C-alpha atoms as a PDB file:
ATOM      1  CA  MET A   1      13.153 -28.501  52.538  1.00  0.00           C
ATOM      2  CA  ALA A   2      13.562 -30.570  49.361  1.00  0.00           C
ATOM      3  CA  VAL A   3       9.784 -31.161  49.191  1.00  0.00           C
ATOM      4  CA  ALA A   4       9.083 -27.429  49.587  1.00  0.00           C
ATOM      5  CA  VAL A   5      11.570 -26.560  46.830  1.00  0.00           C
ATOM      6  CA  GLY A   6      10.111 -29.316  44.630  1.00  0.00           C
ATOM      7  CA  VAL A   7       6.568 -28.027  45.110  1.00  0.00           C
ATOM      8  CA  LEU A   8       7.689 -24.462  44.388  1.00  0.00           C
ATOM      9  CA  VAL A   9       9.607 -25.449  41.241  1.00  0.00           C
ATOM     10  CA  GLY A  10       6.768 -27.705  40.099  1.00  0.00           C
ATOM     11  CA  ALA A  11       4.103 -25.038  40.621  1.00  0.00           C
ATOM     12  CA  GLY A  12       6.289 -22.434  38.932  1.00  0.00           C
ATOM     13  CA  GLY A  13       6.972 -24.740  35.969  1.00  0.00           C
ATOM     14  CA  PHE A  14       3.289 -25.595  35.597  1.00  0.00           C
ATOM     15  CA  THR A  15       2.304 -21.920  35.743  1.00  0.00           C
ATOM     16  CA  PHE A  16       4.985 -20.965  33.205  1.00  0.00           C
ATOM     17  CA  ARG A  17       3.819 -23.723  30.821  1.00  0.00           C
ATOM     18  CA  TYR A  18       0.109 -22.983  31.348  1.00  0.00           C
ATOM     19  CA  ALA A  19       0.673 -19.246  30.721  1.00  0.00           C
ATOM     20  CA  GLU A  20       2.681 -20.030  27.563  1.00  0.00           C
ATOM     21  CA  GLY A  21       5.701 -18.332  29.127  1.00  0.00           C
ATOM     22  CA  LEU A  22       8.135 -19.116  26.310  1.00  0.00           C
ATOM     23  CA  SER A  23       5.980 -17.216  23.829  1.00  0.00           C
ATOM     24  CA  TYR A  24       6.761 -13.977  25.670  1.00  0.00           C
ATOM     25  CA  PHE A  25      10.396 -14.270  24.607  1.00  0.00           C
ATOM     26  CA  SER A  26       9.332 -13.949  20.972  1.00  0.00           C
ATOM     27  CA  THR A  27       8.424 -10.845  19.004  1.00  0.00           C
ATOM     28  CA  ASP A  28       5.159 -12.343  17.737  1.00  0.00           C
ATOM     29  CA  PRO A  29       2.275  -9.926  18.464  1.00  0.00           C
ATOM     30  CA  ALA A  30      -0.019 -12.907  19.042  1.00  0.00           C
ATOM     31  CA  ALA A  31       1.919 -13.547  22.265  1.00  0.00           C
ATOM     32  CA  CYS A  32       0.538 -10.285  23.612  1.00  0.00           C
ATOM     33  CA  ALA A  33      -2.964 -11.655  23.035  1.00  0.00           C
ATOM     34  CA  ASN A  34      -2.230 -14.852  25.025  1.00  0.00           C
ATOM     35  CA  CYS A  35      -3.957 -13.070  27.823  1.00  0.00           C
ATOM     36  CA  HIS A  36      -7.600 -12.701  26.837  1.00  0.00           C
ATOM     37  CA  ILE A  37      -7.716  -9.190  28.253  1.00  0.00           C
ATOM     38  CA  MET A  38      -5.358  -7.930  25.538  1.00  0.00           C
ATOM     39  CA  GLN A  39      -7.396  -9.330  22.638  1.00  0.00           C
ATOM     40  CA  THR A  40      -9.041  -5.966  21.915  1.00  0.00           C
ATOM     41  CA  GLN A  41      -5.635  -4.253  21.682  1.00  0.00           C
ATOM     42  CA  TYR A  42      -4.348  -7.006  19.389  1.00  0.00           C
ATOM     43  CA  ASP A  43      -7.429  -6.836  17.143  1.00  0.00           C
ATOM     44  CA  SER A  44      -7.260  -3.042  16.900  1.00  0.00           C
ATOM     45  CA  TRP A  45      -3.513  -3.164  16.140  1.00  0.00           C
ATOM     46  CA  GLN A  46      -4.304  -5.359  13.129  1.00  0.00           C
ATOM     47  CA  LYS A  47      -6.454  -2.517  11.748  1.00  0.00           C
ATOM     48  CA  ALA A  48      -4.092   0.322  12.680  1.00  0.00           C
ATOM     49  CA  SER A  49      -1.840   2.291  10.350  1.00  0.00           C
ATOM     50  CA  HIS A  50       1.398   0.838  11.786  1.00  0.00           C
ATOM     51  CA  HIS A  51       0.278  -2.794  11.466  1.00  0.00           C
ATOM     52  CA  THR A  52       2.568  -3.481   8.527  1.00  0.00           C
ATOM     53  CA  VAL A  53       5.648  -1.781   9.970  1.00  0.00           C
ATOM     54  CA  ALA A  54       5.593  -2.234  13.763  1.00  0.00           C
ATOM     55  CA  ARG A  55       4.890  -5.062  16.165  1.00  0.00           C
ATOM     56  CA  CYS A  56       4.035  -4.689  19.855  1.00  0.00           C
ATOM     57  CA  VAL A  57       7.688  -4.929  20.898  1.00  0.00           C
ATOM     58  CA  ASP A  58       8.746  -2.238  18.414  1.00  0.00           C
ATOM     59  CA  CYS A  59       6.638   0.349  20.236  1.00  0.00           C
ATOM     60  CA  HIS A  60       6.293  -0.968  23.781  1.00  0.00           C
ATOM     61  CA  LEU A  61       9.828  -2.183  24.581  1.00  0.00           C
ATOM     62  CA  PRO A  62      13.251  -0.536  24.495  1.00  0.00           C
ATOM     63  CA  HIS A  63      15.311  -1.625  21.504  1.00  0.00           C
ATOM     64  CA  ASP A  64      18.508  -2.401  23.424  1.00  0.00           C
ATOM     65  CA  PHE A  65      18.956  -5.989  24.655  1.00  0.00           C
ATOM     66  CA  VAL A  66      19.234  -5.294  28.397  1.00  0.00           C
ATOM     67  CA  GLY A  67      16.478  -2.662  28.481  1.00  0.00           C
ATOM     68  CA  LYS A  68      14.153  -4.894  26.475  1.00  0.00           C
ATOM     69  CA  TYR A  69      14.440  -7.840  28.847  1.00  0.00           C
ATOM     70  CA  LEU A  70      14.319  -5.676  31.972  1.00  0.00           C
ATOM     71  CA  ALA A  71      11.069  -4.137  30.693  1.00  0.00           C
ATOM     72  CA  LYS A  72       9.719  -7.572  29.735  1.00  0.00           C
ATOM     73  CA  ALA A  73      10.514  -8.886  33.227  1.00  0.00           C
ATOM     74  CA  SER A  74       8.934  -5.900  34.952  1.00  0.00           C
ATOM     75  CA  ASN A  75       5.851  -5.987  32.741  1.00  0.00           C
ATOM     76  CA  GLY A  76       5.575  -9.751  33.103  1.00  0.00           C
ATOM     77  CA  TYR A  77       5.609  -9.456  36.876  1.00  0.00           C
ATOM     78  CA  HIS A  78       3.006  -6.672  36.946  1.00  0.00           C
ATOM     79  CA  HIS A  79       0.786  -8.354  34.358  1.00  0.00           C
ATOM     80  CA  SER A  80       0.828 -11.739  36.076  1.00  0.00           C
ATOM     81  CA  LYS A  81       0.168 -10.119  39.459  1.00  0.00           C
ATOM     82  CA  GLY A  82      -2.645  -7.988  38.054  1.00  0.00           C
ATOM     83  CA  PHE A  83      -4.335 -10.842  36.244  1.00  0.00           C
ATOM     84  CA  THR A  84      -3.894 -13.284  39.129  1.00  0.00           C
ATOM     85  CA  PHE A  85      -5.374 -10.931  41.712  1.00  0.00           C
ATOM     86  CA  GLN A  86      -7.642  -9.065  39.263  1.00  0.00           C
ATOM     87  CA  ASP A  87      -6.419  -5.730  40.624  1.00  0.00           C
ATOM     88  CA  PHE A  88      -5.738  -3.883  37.360  1.00  0.00           C
ATOM     89  CA  HIS A  89      -7.516  -0.822  36.010  1.00  0.00           C
ATOM     90  CA  GLU A  90     -10.148  -1.329  33.334  1.00  0.00           C
ATOM     91  CA  PRO A  91      -9.663  -0.282  30.639  1.00  0.00           C
ATOM     92  CA  ILE A  92      -5.970  -1.076  30.789  1.00  0.00           C
ATOM     93  CA  ARG A  93      -3.843   2.056  30.950  1.00  0.00           C
ATOM     94  CA  ILE A  94      -0.197   2.530  30.149  1.00  0.00           C
ATOM     95  CA  LYS A  95       2.013   3.282  33.145  1.00  0.00           C
ATOM     96  CA  PRO A  96       4.408   6.259  33.135  1.00  0.00           C
ATOM     97  CA  GLY A  97       7.536   4.142  32.607  1.00  0.00           C
ATOM     98  CA  ASN A  98       6.014   2.328  29.664  1.00  0.00           C
ATOM     99  CA  SER A  99       4.689   5.615  28.311  1.00  0.00           C
ATOM    100  CA  ALA A 100       8.270   6.953  28.315  1.00  0.00           C
ATOM    101  CA  ILE A 101       9.414   3.874  26.375  1.00  0.00           C
ATOM    102  CA  LEU A 102       6.597   4.376  23.869  1.00  0.00           C
ATOM    103  CA  GLN A 103       7.487   8.055  23.435  1.00  0.00           C
ATOM    104  CA  ALA A 104      11.177   7.260  22.934  1.00  0.00           C
ATOM    105  CA  ASN A 105      10.302   4.673  20.300  1.00  0.00           C
ATOM    106  CA  CYS A 106       7.976   7.064  18.452  1.00  0.00           C
ATOM    107  CA  LEU A 107      10.728   9.669  18.366  1.00  0.00           C
ATOM    108  CA  GLY A 108      13.331   7.080  17.411  1.00  0.00           C
ATOM    109  CA  CYS A 109      11.422   5.915  14.336  1.00  0.00           C
ATOM    110  CA  HIS A 110      10.173   9.342  13.305  1.00  0.00           C
ATOM    111  CA  ASN A 111      13.179  11.443  14.313  1.00  0.00           C
ATOM    112  CA  ASP A 112      13.790  12.836  10.826  1.00  0.00           C
ATOM    113  CA  MET A 113      10.209  14.037  10.622  1.00  0.00           C
ATOM    114  CA  VAL A 114       9.746  15.458  14.138  1.00  0.00           C
ATOM    115  CA  HIS A 115      13.219  16.539  15.249  1.00  0.00           C
ATOM    116  CA  ASN A 116      12.516  20.258  14.880  1.00  0.00           C
ATOM    117  CA  LEU A 117       9.111  19.930  16.549  1.00  0.00           C
ATOM    118  CA  VAL A 118      10.286  18.268  19.739  1.00  0.00           C
ATOM    119  CA  ALA A 119      13.874  19.447  20.141  1.00  0.00           C
ATOM    120  CA  GLY A 120      14.440  20.222  23.821  1.00  0.00           C
ATOM    121  CA  VAL A 121      10.903  19.461  25.012  1.00  0.00           C
ATOM    122  CA  THR A 122      10.949  15.696  25.374  1.00  0.00           C
ATOM    123  CA  THR A 123      11.989  15.676  29.031  1.00  0.00           C
ATOM    124  CA  ASP A 124       9.758  18.470  30.311  1.00  0.00           C
ATOM    125  CA  VAL A 125       7.065  17.430  32.747  1.00  0.00           C
ATOM    126  CA  ASP A 126       4.532  19.247  30.572  1.00  0.00           C
ATOM    127  CA  ALA A 127       5.808  17.845  27.261  1.00  0.00           C
ATOM    128  CA  VAL A 128       3.052  16.546  25.029  1.00  0.00           C
ATOM    129  CA  SER A 129       3.438  12.901  24.093  1.00  0.00           C
ATOM    130  CA  CYS A 130       3.086  11.703  20.515  1.00  0.00           C
ATOM    131  CA  VAL A 131       0.021   9.638  21.391  1.00  0.00           C
ATOM    132  CA  HIS A 132      -1.706  12.711  22.758  1.00  0.00           C
ATOM    133  CA  CYS A 133      -2.553  13.633  19.170  1.00  0.00           C
ATOM    134  CA  HIS A 134      -1.828  10.330  17.404  1.00  0.00           C
ATOM    135  CA  ARG A 135      -3.697   8.022  19.771  1.00  0.00           C
ATOM    136  CA  ASP A 136      -5.095   5.710  17.082  1.00  0.00           C
ATOM    137  CA  VAL A 137      -1.811   5.115  15.245  1.00  0.00           C
ATOM    138  CA  GLY A 138      -0.812   1.966  17.109  1.00  0.00           C
ATOM    139  CA  HIS A 139      -4.131   0.459  18.029  1.00  0.00           C
ATOM    140  CA  GLY A 140      -6.673   1.920  15.658  1.00  0.00           C
ATOM    141  CA  PRO A 141      -9.896   3.562  16.807  1.00  0.00           C
ATOM    142  CA  THR A 142     -11.123   0.770  19.092  1.00  0.00           C
ATOM    143  CA  VAL A 143      -9.046   0.279  22.220  1.00  0.00           C
ATOM    144  CA  GLY A 144      -9.823  -0.797  25.747  1.00  0.00           C
ATOM    145  CA  LEU A 145     -12.068  -3.353  27.340  1.00  0.00           C
ATOM    146  CA  GLY A 146     -15.643  -3.316  26.178  1.00  0.00           C
ATOM    147  CA  GLY A 147     -15.071  -1.012  23.220  1.00  0.00           C
ATOM    148  CA  PRO A 148     -13.898   2.517  22.687  1.00  0.00           C
ATOM    149  CA  GLU A 149     -13.250   4.578  25.767  1.00  0.00           C
ATOM    150  CA  THR A 150     -15.019   7.825  26.343  1.00  0.00           C
ATOM    151  CA  ALA A 151     -13.088  11.046  25.865  1.00  0.00           C
ATOM    152  CA  LYS A 152     -12.738  11.388  29.631  1.00  0.00           C
ATOM    153  CA  GLU A 153     -11.248   7.895  29.999  1.00  0.00           C
ATOM    154  CA  ARG A 154      -8.864   8.534  27.089  1.00  0.00           C
ATOM    155  CA  SER A 155      -7.483  11.726  28.622  1.00  0.00           C
ATOM    156  CA  TYR A 156      -5.007   9.973  30.907  1.00  0.00           C
ATOM    157  CA  GLN A 157      -2.055  10.911  28.680  1.00  0.00           C
END
């Protein structure tokens, strides 16, 4: 039993170190590009309009302590599983839960500007998300693996 636990802890420690696991506890956008598949998103963020005012975590994670680390844990699990087994969609697409976090963060930062536009329609199933019209705000015009997506591929939101 001790050998099995030792092998498990050793393999887990090696994987955590190899994947630069501690960097994911930071707010440095470069950590998001640790995984080569996110390099295009990182590069396009550097050219986007919010580059000087928002980092990855400002848009893609809840701002409360518990929610932030729960989302990081969930995303970390799904990302490591997807990249280990290569069973993720290309180009990468935001999942509904993360899309809700993104929408809440857009509205949180821009509440003064959009309050009258979105009052009462943020929870409707048919509510239009901010990125429906402002898709290039966070990542600039080039997003996705292999270059810009076609209009059909971009219509997932």
